[in-house]
Structures are given as C-alpha cells and as structure tokens.
Amino acid sequence: MQNKVQILSTKKISGPLIKDAADKNIFIDQMNFIETEESISEEIKMRIIELSQQNITSIFTSSNAVNAVGKIISPQANWKIFCIEPFTKKMVEKYFQASSIAGTAKDAAELANRIMKDSLIKDVVFFCGNQRRDLLQNELTKHGIEVEELVVYETIETPQIISKKYDGILFFSPSAVRSFFAKNKLEATTQIFSIGKTTADEINFFSNNPIIISEIPATENLITEVIKHFTSIKTV
C-alpha cells in the first residue's frame, strides 16, 4: 500500500477539495493561522459614503475589503475598479456591476502595471487591510499616481505550534506565512505550495525550501498543484 501523503493547509478549505485530494491518497489537515474581521471607523465609513457619490478609481486586492465596502455603498456606485482575480473579482461582481471592473491581475505587482498603463488615472483609492504590503502603492506613487489608503479590515495572526511532520504546507497569504513561521520551522524535505507570487516572496524570508506557485491564485488550483506534484513523484 502506498504511503499516505500528509499536507497542512494554513487556512480552512472546502470539503470537496479535501475529498479530491484524499481520493489520491493525499490527506490534508487544516489549521487557521490568521483571522480577519471588519474594522471600519466612523470616519472611514463616512469617507466611503462620500466616495460612493464620486467617479473614482478604486483598488481591491482582497475579498475581505470588497465585502466590508460592499455592505456600505450602493452597487450603482460609478467606480472604475481594479482587482485581483479570480476570487476577489468574484466578490466585486457580487457587490458591484461587472461593467465596473476596468482591469484584473493575478497579483499586486501585475495589478499596479495594469493601472499605470492607463494614462488617464491620476489618483486611486486603495481599500485594504491593516497588514497590506507596500508594493502596489509604492509602485503607483513612483509613477506619479496619488494613492488614498482606507483600512477596512484587520488581519490578526494566530500562531500555532505544529507537532506533526508534513510532506507539504499550503500558504495563502503573507500574514499566514509570518504567523506560521513565528512558532515553526520546516524540515528541508517539506514541499511548500503558495497561492501566488506575493505569498511566495514572503516565504523566502523564512525558508529556503522549494516553492510551487499556483498559476492561478485560487484554492482549487493550488490543490491541483498538490495532487499533480505528489502523484508525479509516485510514478517516477
């Protein structure tokens, strides 16, 4: 009988994905290393309502931000929206008109480039969390685009010690990476899987282990990479 492949996901994932992996003898444990909660001050809430009456260019790199803002304003807001795909884009489509989406990208760096290609954009509003990275706003600012940041949710790191040996670890955000490595180290043989390049860049601060990055930043695609990797090892 083949040895079971043991994987740790640093966030909860759906049952069908767990089953898909288990059918291939890949078993996934789940532990949340971060929590998120909406955090909108009265001042920021009033600013969002004010902006809802204006024609603005807005940026969302997290579905948490979309969810927080979408509860406050009308879906008819005349905004030009740039966002990460695919999941954040789906959340934008839930709260706003699909025609509002002016551009999408797989990560913040690519999204910044998309925005900078539009010579008509002189200022943007970036709806973000308290632990967002500076890459996007730094690139836009260097390009002469004014960035107004509005923090609408908080990410809380919840480090936990793992006592089990895993063949692979799944990471979905830079904050989860920091939370995991606050109390854990990896063996050299552990394969790392990352939802995207931004998260992979954070992993490189803590580990030299090889990283497989999902071509599309979606959980189901990352699980596909896990299955592909470990089934190919078995057939070698």
C-alpha atoms as a PDB file:
ATOM      1  CA  MET A   1       0.000   0.000   0.000  1.00  0.00           C
ATOM      2  CA  GLN A   2       1.253   3.468  -0.858  1.00  0.00           C
ATOM      3  CA  ASN A   3       2.306   5.742   1.958  1.00  0.00           C
ATOM      4  CA  LYS A   4      -0.170   8.470   2.754  1.00  0.00           C
ATOM      5  CA  VAL A   5       0.886  11.994   1.804  1.00  0.00           C
ATOM      6  CA  GLN A   6       0.334  14.356   4.728  1.00  0.00           C
ATOM      7  CA  ILE A   7      -0.400  18.017   3.940  1.00  0.00           C
ATOM      8  CA  LEU A   8      -1.119  21.010   6.161  1.00  0.00           C
ATOM      9  CA  SER A   9      -3.297  23.854   4.885  1.00  0.00           C
ATOM     10  CA  THR A  10      -2.815  27.102   6.789  1.00  0.00           C
ATOM     11  CA  LYS A  11      -6.472  28.001   6.255  1.00  0.00           C
ATOM     12  CA  LYS A  12      -9.775  26.146   6.059  1.00  0.00           C
ATOM     13  CA  ILE A  13     -10.644  24.817   2.600  1.00  0.00           C
ATOM     14  CA  SER A  14     -13.773  23.222   1.206  1.00  0.00           C
ATOM     15  CA  GLY A  15     -14.784  19.616   1.800  1.00  0.00           C
ATOM     16  CA  PRO A  16     -14.885  18.634  -1.889  1.00  0.00           C
ATOM     17  CA  LEU A  17     -11.251  19.724  -2.319  1.00  0.00           C
ATOM     18  CA  ILE A  18     -10.258  17.701   0.739  1.00  0.00           C
ATOM     19  CA  LYS A  19     -12.021  14.686  -0.775  1.00  0.00           C
ATOM     20  CA  ASP A  20     -10.411  15.161  -4.198  1.00  0.00           C
ATOM     21  CA  ALA A  21      -7.006  15.012  -2.564  1.00  0.00           C
ATOM     22  CA  ALA A  22      -7.918  12.074  -0.305  1.00  0.00           C
ATOM     23  CA  ASP A  23      -9.013  10.103  -3.372  1.00  0.00           C
ATOM     24  CA  LYS A  24      -5.380  10.379  -4.497  1.00  0.00           C
ATOM     25  CA  ASN A  25      -4.062   9.246  -1.086  1.00  0.00           C
ATOM     26  CA  ILE A  26      -3.244  12.853  -0.120  1.00  0.00           C
ATOM     27  CA  PHE A  27      -4.629  13.829   3.279  1.00  0.00           C
ATOM     28  CA  ILE A  28      -4.988  17.480   4.278  1.00  0.00           C
ATOM     29  CA  ASP A  29      -5.082  18.799   7.841  1.00  0.00           C
ATOM     30  CA  GLN A  30      -6.404  22.334   8.302  1.00  0.00           C
ATOM     31  CA  MET A  31      -5.319  24.989  10.799  1.00  0.00           C
ATOM     32  CA  ASN A  32      -6.147  28.695  10.591  1.00  0.00           C
ATOM     33  CA  PHE A  33      -3.043  30.811  11.160  1.00  0.00           C
ATOM     34  CA  ILE A  34      -4.862  34.120  10.699  1.00  0.00           C
ATOM     35  CA  GLU A  35      -8.284  35.586  11.372  1.00  0.00           C
ATOM     36  CA  THR A  36      -9.857  38.585   9.660  1.00  0.00           C
ATOM     37  CA  GLU A  37     -12.514  40.959  10.900  1.00  0.00           C
ATOM     38  CA  GLU A  38     -14.101  44.095   9.512  1.00  0.00           C
ATOM     39  CA  SER A  39     -12.734  47.252  11.088  1.00  0.00           C
ATOM     40  CA  ILE A  40     -14.238  50.447   9.722  1.00  0.00           C
ATOM     41  CA  SER A  41     -14.123  53.585  11.844  1.00  0.00           C
ATOM     42  CA  GLU A  42     -16.972  56.067  11.621  1.00  0.00           C
ATOM     43  CA  GLU A  43     -14.622  58.486   9.852  1.00  0.00           C
ATOM     44  CA  ILE A  44     -13.722  55.940   7.175  1.00  0.00           C
ATOM     45  CA  LYS A  45     -17.353  54.876   6.818  1.00  0.00           C
ATOM     46  CA  MET A  46     -18.343  58.477   6.094  1.00  0.00           C
ATOM     47  CA  ARG A  47     -15.469  58.764   3.620  1.00  0.00           C
ATOM     48  CA  ILE A  48     -16.661  55.636   1.782  1.00  0.00           C
ATOM     49  CA  ILE A  49     -20.193  57.030   1.583  1.00  0.00           C
ATOM     50  CA  GLU A  50     -18.768  60.306   0.241  1.00  0.00           C
ATOM     51  CA  LEU A  51     -16.719  58.437  -2.368  1.00  0.00           C
ATOM     52  CA  SER A  52     -19.773  56.450  -3.437  1.00  0.00           C
ATOM     53  CA  GLN A  53     -21.147  59.664  -4.933  1.00  0.00           C
ATOM     54  CA  GLN A  54     -17.992  60.296  -6.957  1.00  0.00           C
ATOM     55  CA  ASN A  55     -16.346  58.864 -10.051  1.00  0.00           C
ATOM     56  CA  ILE A  56     -13.221  57.255  -8.630  1.00  0.00           C
ATOM     57  CA  THR A  57     -10.686  54.587  -9.499  1.00  0.00           C
ATOM     58  CA  SER A  58     -10.672  52.002  -6.723  1.00  0.00           C
ATOM     59  CA  ILE A  59      -8.423  49.033  -5.952  1.00  0.00           C
ATOM     60  CA  PHE A  60      -9.249  45.780  -4.181  1.00  0.00           C
ATOM     61  CA  THR A  61      -6.639  43.097  -3.585  1.00  0.00           C
ATOM     62  CA  SER A  62      -8.697  41.166  -1.026  1.00  0.00           C
ATOM     63  CA  SER A  63     -12.221  39.801  -0.949  1.00  0.00           C
ATOM     64  CA  ASN A  64     -12.359  40.880   2.716  1.00  0.00           C
ATOM     65  CA  ALA A  65     -12.060  44.511   1.629  1.00  0.00           C
ATOM     66  CA  VAL A  66     -14.739  44.096  -1.037  1.00  0.00           C
ATOM     67  CA  ASN A  67     -17.085  42.538   1.491  1.00  0.00           C
ATOM     68  CA  ALA A  68     -16.552  45.334   4.003  1.00  0.00           C
ATOM     69  CA  VAL A  69     -17.038  48.157   1.483  1.00  0.00           C
ATOM     70  CA  GLY A  70     -19.838  46.452  -0.423  1.00  0.00           C
ATOM     71  CA  LYS A  71     -22.047  46.421   2.669  1.00  0.00           C
ATOM     72  CA  ILE A  72     -21.886  50.207   2.892  1.00  0.00           C
ATOM     73  CA  ILE A  73     -22.416  51.529  -0.619  1.00  0.00           C
ATOM     74  CA  SER A  74     -24.846  51.042  -3.449  1.00  0.00           C
ATOM     75  CA  PRO A  75     -23.876  48.637  -6.258  1.00  0.00           C
ATOM     76  CA  GLN A  76     -24.686  51.509  -8.613  1.00  0.00           C
ATOM     77  CA  ALA A  77     -21.611  53.454  -7.497  1.00  0.00           C
ATOM     78  CA  ASN A  78     -19.866  54.782 -10.601  1.00  0.00           C
ATOM     79  CA  TRP A  79     -16.433  53.401  -9.831  1.00  0.00           C
ATOM     80  CA  LYS A  80     -13.658  52.152 -12.079  1.00  0.00           C
ATOM     81  CA  ILE A  81     -12.421  49.059 -10.237  1.00  0.00           C
ATOM     82  CA  PHE A  82      -9.113  47.220 -10.476  1.00  0.00           C
ATOM     83  CA  CYS A  83      -8.864  43.944  -8.559  1.00  0.00           C
ATOM     84  CA  ILE A  84      -7.065  40.640  -8.092  1.00  0.00           C
ATOM     85  CA  GLU A  85      -8.537  37.602  -9.803  1.00  0.00           C
ATOM     86  CA  PRO A  86     -10.221  35.229  -9.544  1.00  0.00           C
ATOM     87  CA  PHE A  87     -11.773  35.235  -6.047  1.00  0.00           C
ATOM     88  CA  THR A  88     -11.619  38.967  -5.308  1.00  0.00           C
ATOM     89  CA  LYS A  89     -13.056  39.608  -8.768  1.00  0.00           C
ATOM     90  CA  LYS A  90     -15.976  37.287  -7.999  1.00  0.00           C
ATOM     91  CA  MET A  91     -16.673  39.231  -4.816  1.00  0.00           C
ATOM     92  CA  VAL A  92     -16.556  42.534  -6.749  1.00  0.00           C
ATOM     93  CA  GLU A  93     -19.103  41.116  -9.183  1.00  0.00           C
ATOM     94  CA  LYS A  94     -21.317  40.204  -6.226  1.00  0.00           C
ATOM     95  CA  TYR A  95     -21.449  43.752  -4.848  1.00  0.00           C
ATOM     96  CA  PHE A  96     -20.884  45.915  -7.921  1.00  0.00           C
ATOM     97  CA  GLN A  97     -21.810  45.938 -11.561  1.00  0.00           C
ATOM     98  CA  ALA A  98     -19.495  43.684 -13.568  1.00  0.00           C
ATOM     99  CA  SER A  99     -19.010  46.555 -16.028  1.00  0.00           C
ATOM    100  CA  SER A 100     -17.277  48.493 -13.229  1.00  0.00           C
ATOM    101  CA  ILE A 101     -14.229  46.216 -13.459  1.00  0.00           C
ATOM    102  CA  ALA A 102     -11.597  48.024 -15.522  1.00  0.00           C
ATOM    103  CA  GLY A 103      -8.757  45.566 -15.034  1.00  0.00           C
ATOM    104  CA  THR A 104      -7.652  42.442 -13.166  1.00  0.00           C
ATOM    105  CA  ALA A 105      -4.369  40.696 -12.415  1.00  0.00           C
ATOM    106  CA  LYS A 106      -3.010  37.698 -10.535  1.00  0.00           C
ATOM    107  CA  ASP A 107      -1.009  39.717  -8.009  1.00  0.00           C
ATOM    108  CA  ALA A 108      -0.377  43.236  -6.730  1.00  0.00           C
ATOM    109  CA  ALA A 109       2.677  43.894  -8.905  1.00  0.00           C
ATOM    110  CA  GLU A 110       0.845  42.942 -12.087  1.00  0.00           C
ATOM    111  CA  LEU A 111      -2.182  44.962 -10.996  1.00  0.00           C
ATOM    112  CA  ALA A 112      -0.023  48.051 -10.473  1.00  0.00           C
ATOM    113  CA  ASN A 113       1.290  47.685 -14.023  1.00  0.00           C
ATOM    114  CA  ARG A 114      -2.230  47.434 -15.392  1.00  0.00           C
ATOM    115  CA  ILE A 115      -3.208  50.652 -13.626  1.00  0.00           C
ATOM    116  CA  MET A 116      -0.089  52.523 -14.722  1.00  0.00           C
ATOM    117  CA  LYS A 117      -0.825  51.737 -18.361  1.00  0.00           C
ATOM    118  CA  ASP A 118      -3.935  53.922 -18.132  1.00  0.00           C
ATOM    119  CA  SER A 119      -2.544  57.431 -18.605  1.00  0.00           C
ATOM    120  CA  LEU A 120      -5.856  58.996 -17.507  1.00  0.00           C
ATOM    121  CA  ILE A 121      -5.534  57.679 -13.941  1.00  0.00           C
ATOM    122  CA  LYS A 122      -4.006  60.311 -11.653  1.00  0.00           C
ATOM    123  CA  ASP A 123      -5.302  59.106  -8.277  1.00  0.00           C
ATOM    124  CA  VAL A 124      -6.774  55.925  -6.793  1.00  0.00           C
ATOM    125  CA  VAL A 125      -8.449  54.741  -3.603  1.00  0.00           C
ATOM    126  CA  PHE A 126      -6.992  51.523  -2.213  1.00  0.00           C
ATOM    127  CA  PHE A 127      -9.312  49.623   0.133  1.00  0.00           C
ATOM    128  CA  CYS A 128      -7.091  47.350   2.206  1.00  0.00           C
ATOM    129  CA  GLY A 129      -6.346  45.615   5.487  1.00  0.00           C
ATOM    130  CA  ASN A 130      -4.051  46.706   8.277  1.00  0.00           C
ATOM    131  CA  GLN A 131      -1.308  44.288   7.183  1.00  0.00           C
ATOM    132  CA  ARG A 132      -1.191  45.044   3.472  1.00  0.00           C
ATOM    133  CA  ARG A 133       2.208  45.102   1.766  1.00  0.00           C
ATOM    134  CA  ASP A 134       3.520  48.374   0.335  1.00  0.00           C
ATOM    135  CA  LEU A 135       4.433  47.081  -3.124  1.00  0.00           C
ATOM    136  CA  LEU A 136       1.347  48.257  -5.006  1.00  0.00           C
ATOM    137  CA  GLN A 137       1.113  51.733  -3.519  1.00  0.00           C
ATOM    138  CA  ASN A 138       4.876  52.269  -3.787  1.00  0.00           C
ATOM    139  CA  GLU A 139       4.829  51.438  -7.499  1.00  0.00           C
ATOM    140  CA  LEU A 140       1.866  53.707  -8.170  1.00  0.00           C
ATOM    141  CA  THR A 141       3.338  56.577  -6.155  1.00  0.00           C
ATOM    142  CA  LYS A 142       6.651  56.319  -8.032  1.00  0.00           C
ATOM    143  CA  HIS A 143       4.637  56.561 -11.233  1.00  0.00           C
ATOM    144  CA  GLY A 144       3.029  59.814 -10.065  1.00  0.00           C
ATOM    145  CA  ILE A 145      -0.332  58.331  -9.094  1.00  0.00           C
ATOM    146  CA  GLU A 146      -1.721  59.534  -5.764  1.00  0.00           C
ATOM    147  CA  VAL A 147      -2.918  56.701  -3.508  1.00  0.00           C
ATOM    148  CA  GLU A 148      -5.501  57.154  -0.755  1.00  0.00           C
ATOM    149  CA  GLU A 149      -5.490  54.125   1.544  1.00  0.00           C
ATOM    150  CA  LEU A 150      -8.587  53.230   3.539  1.00  0.00           C
ATOM    151  CA  VAL A 151      -8.192  50.360   6.023  1.00  0.00           C
ATOM    152  CA  VAL A 152     -11.479  48.447   6.181  1.00  0.00           C
ATOM    153  CA  TYR A 153     -10.492  45.155   7.831  1.00  0.00           C
ATOM    154  CA  GLU A 154      -7.889  43.766  10.206  1.00  0.00           C
ATOM    155  CA  THR A 155      -5.798  40.631   9.883  1.00  0.00           C
ATOM    156  CA  ILE A 156      -4.968  39.001  13.199  1.00  0.00           C
ATOM    157  CA  GLU A 157      -2.144  36.480  13.270  1.00  0.00           C
ATOM    158  CA  THR A 158      -2.909  33.337  15.300  1.00  0.00           C
ATOM    159  CA  PRO A 159       0.351  31.353  15.526  1.00  0.00           C
ATOM    160  CA  GLN A 160       0.121  27.676  16.469  1.00  0.00           C
ATOM    161  CA  ILE A 161       2.782  25.048  17.020  1.00  0.00           C
ATOM    162  CA  ILE A 162       2.587  22.033  14.728  1.00  0.00           C
ATOM    163  CA  SER A 163       3.794  18.730  16.185  1.00  0.00           C
ATOM    164  CA  LYS A 164       3.207  16.541  13.135  1.00  0.00           C
ATOM    165  CA  LYS A 165       5.598  16.007  10.237  1.00  0.00           C
ATOM    166  CA  TYR A 166       4.072  17.085   6.918  1.00  0.00           C
ATOM    167  CA  ASP A 167       5.115  16.349   3.360  1.00  0.00           C
ATOM    168  CA  GLY A 168       3.753  19.693   2.191  1.00  0.00           C
ATOM    169  CA  ILE A 169       2.433  23.010   3.532  1.00  0.00           C
ATOM    170  CA  LEU A 170      -0.089  25.270   1.793  1.00  0.00           C
ATOM    171  CA  PHE A 171       0.149  29.058   2.226  1.00  0.00           C
ATOM    172  CA  PHE A 172      -2.483  31.570   1.114  1.00  0.00           C
ATOM    173  CA  SER A 173      -1.241  34.964   2.340  1.00  0.00           C
ATOM    174  CA  PRO A 174       1.914  36.723   3.572  1.00  0.00           C
ATOM    175  CA  SER A 175       0.350  37.240   7.011  1.00  0.00           C
ATOM    176  CA  ALA A 176      -0.317  33.493   7.362  1.00  0.00           C
ATOM    177  CA  VAL A 177       3.320  32.863   6.405  1.00  0.00           C
ATOM    178  CA  ARG A 178       4.538  35.158   9.184  1.00  0.00           C
ATOM    179  CA  SER A 179       2.136  33.593  11.661  1.00  0.00           C
ATOM    180  CA  PHE A 180       3.248  30.047  10.786  1.00  0.00           C
ATOM    181  CA  PHE A 181       6.971  30.731  10.988  1.00  0.00           C
ATOM    182  CA  ALA A 182       6.586  32.640  14.267  1.00  0.00           C
ATOM    183  CA  LYS A 183       6.436  29.266  16.016  1.00  0.00           C
ATOM    184  CA  ASN A 184       7.501  26.683  13.457  1.00  0.00           C
ATOM    185  CA  LYS A 185      10.392  25.587  11.260  1.00  0.00           C
ATOM    186  CA  LEU A 186      10.293  23.255   8.286  1.00  0.00           C
ATOM    187  CA  GLU A 187      12.376  20.233   7.523  1.00  0.00           C
ATOM    188  CA  ALA A 188      14.383  20.504   4.313  1.00  0.00           C
ATOM    189  CA  THR A 189      12.244  17.825   2.670  1.00  0.00           C
ATOM    190  CA  THR A 190       8.929  19.652   3.143  1.00  0.00           C
ATOM    191  CA  GLN A 191       7.432  20.907  -0.119  1.00  0.00           C
ATOM    192  CA  ILE A 192       5.848  24.368   0.059  1.00  0.00           C
ATOM    193  CA  PHE A 193       2.845  25.403  -2.032  1.00  0.00           C
ATOM    194  CA  SER A 194       1.932  29.078  -2.445  1.00  0.00           C
ATOM    195  CA  ILE A 195      -1.277  30.684  -3.726  1.00  0.00           C
ATOM    196  CA  GLY A 196       0.722  33.366  -5.557  1.00  0.00           C
ATOM    197  CA  LYS A 197       3.988  35.223  -6.012  1.00  0.00           C
ATOM    198  CA  THR A 198       3.429  37.773  -3.239  1.00  0.00           C
ATOM    199  CA  THR A 199       2.962  34.996  -0.698  1.00  0.00           C
ATOM    200  CA  ALA A 200       5.962  33.124  -2.131  1.00  0.00           C
ATOM    201  CA  ASP A 201       8.132  36.241  -1.711  1.00  0.00           C
ATOM    202  CA  GLU A 202       7.208  36.297   1.986  1.00  0.00           C
ATOM    203  CA  ILE A 203       8.006  32.596   2.367  1.00  0.00           C
ATOM    204  CA  ASN A 204      11.513  33.232   1.028  1.00  0.00           C
ATOM    205  CA  PHE A 205      12.250  35.407   4.080  1.00  0.00           C
ATOM    206  CA  PHE A 206      11.811  32.358   6.321  1.00  0.00           C
ATOM    207  CA  SER A 207      12.691  29.259   4.319  1.00  0.00           C
ATOM    208  CA  ASN A 208      14.910  28.011   1.501  1.00  0.00           C
ATOM    209  CA  ASN A 209      12.594  25.102   0.756  1.00  0.00           C
ATOM    210  CA  PRO A 210      11.350  24.743  -2.818  1.00  0.00           C
ATOM    211  CA  ILE A 211       8.073  26.532  -3.549  1.00  0.00           C
ATOM    212  CA  ILE A 212       5.430  25.564  -6.077  1.00  0.00           C
ATOM    213  CA  ILE A 213       3.296  28.573  -7.006  1.00  0.00           C
ATOM    214  CA  SER A 214      -0.235  28.168  -8.311  1.00  0.00           C
ATOM    215  CA  GLU A 215      -0.538  29.514 -11.867  1.00  0.00           C
ATOM    216  CA  ILE A 216      -3.983  30.867 -10.980  1.00  0.00           C
ATOM    217  CA  PRO A 217      -4.339  32.283  -7.433  1.00  0.00           C
ATOM    218  CA  ALA A 218      -7.295  30.127  -6.382  1.00  0.00           C
ATOM    219  CA  THR A 219      -7.537  27.398  -3.770  1.00  0.00           C
ATOM    220  CA  GLU A 220      -8.776  24.749  -6.197  1.00  0.00           C
ATOM    221  CA  ASN A 221      -5.810  25.423  -8.485  1.00  0.00           C
ATOM    222  CA  LEU A 222      -3.386  25.110  -5.578  1.00  0.00           C
ATOM    223  CA  ILE A 223      -4.884  21.742  -4.633  1.00  0.00           C
ATOM    224  CA  THR A 224      -4.478  20.682  -8.270  1.00  0.00           C
ATOM    225  CA  GLU A 225      -0.767  21.549  -7.995  1.00  0.00           C
ATOM    226  CA  VAL A 226      -0.505  19.452  -4.821  1.00  0.00           C
ATOM    227  CA  ILE A 227      -2.123  16.441  -6.488  1.00  0.00           C
ATOM    228  CA  LYS A 228      -0.016  16.859  -9.623  1.00  0.00           C
ATOM    229  CA  HIS A 229       3.214  17.096  -7.618  1.00  0.00           C
ATOM    230  CA  PHE A 230       2.725  14.094  -5.351  1.00  0.00           C
ATOM    231  CA  THR A 231       1.188  11.806  -7.965  1.00  0.00           C
ATOM    232  CA  SER A 232       4.132  12.531 -10.291  1.00  0.00           C
ATOM    233  CA  ILE A 233       6.567  11.578  -7.503  1.00  0.00           C
ATOM    234  CA  LYS A 234       4.796   8.228  -7.052  1.00  0.00           C
ATOM    235  CA  THR A 235       5.036   7.438 -10.755  1.00  0.00           C
ATOM    236  CA  VAL A 236       8.753   8.164 -11.026  1.00  0.00           C
END
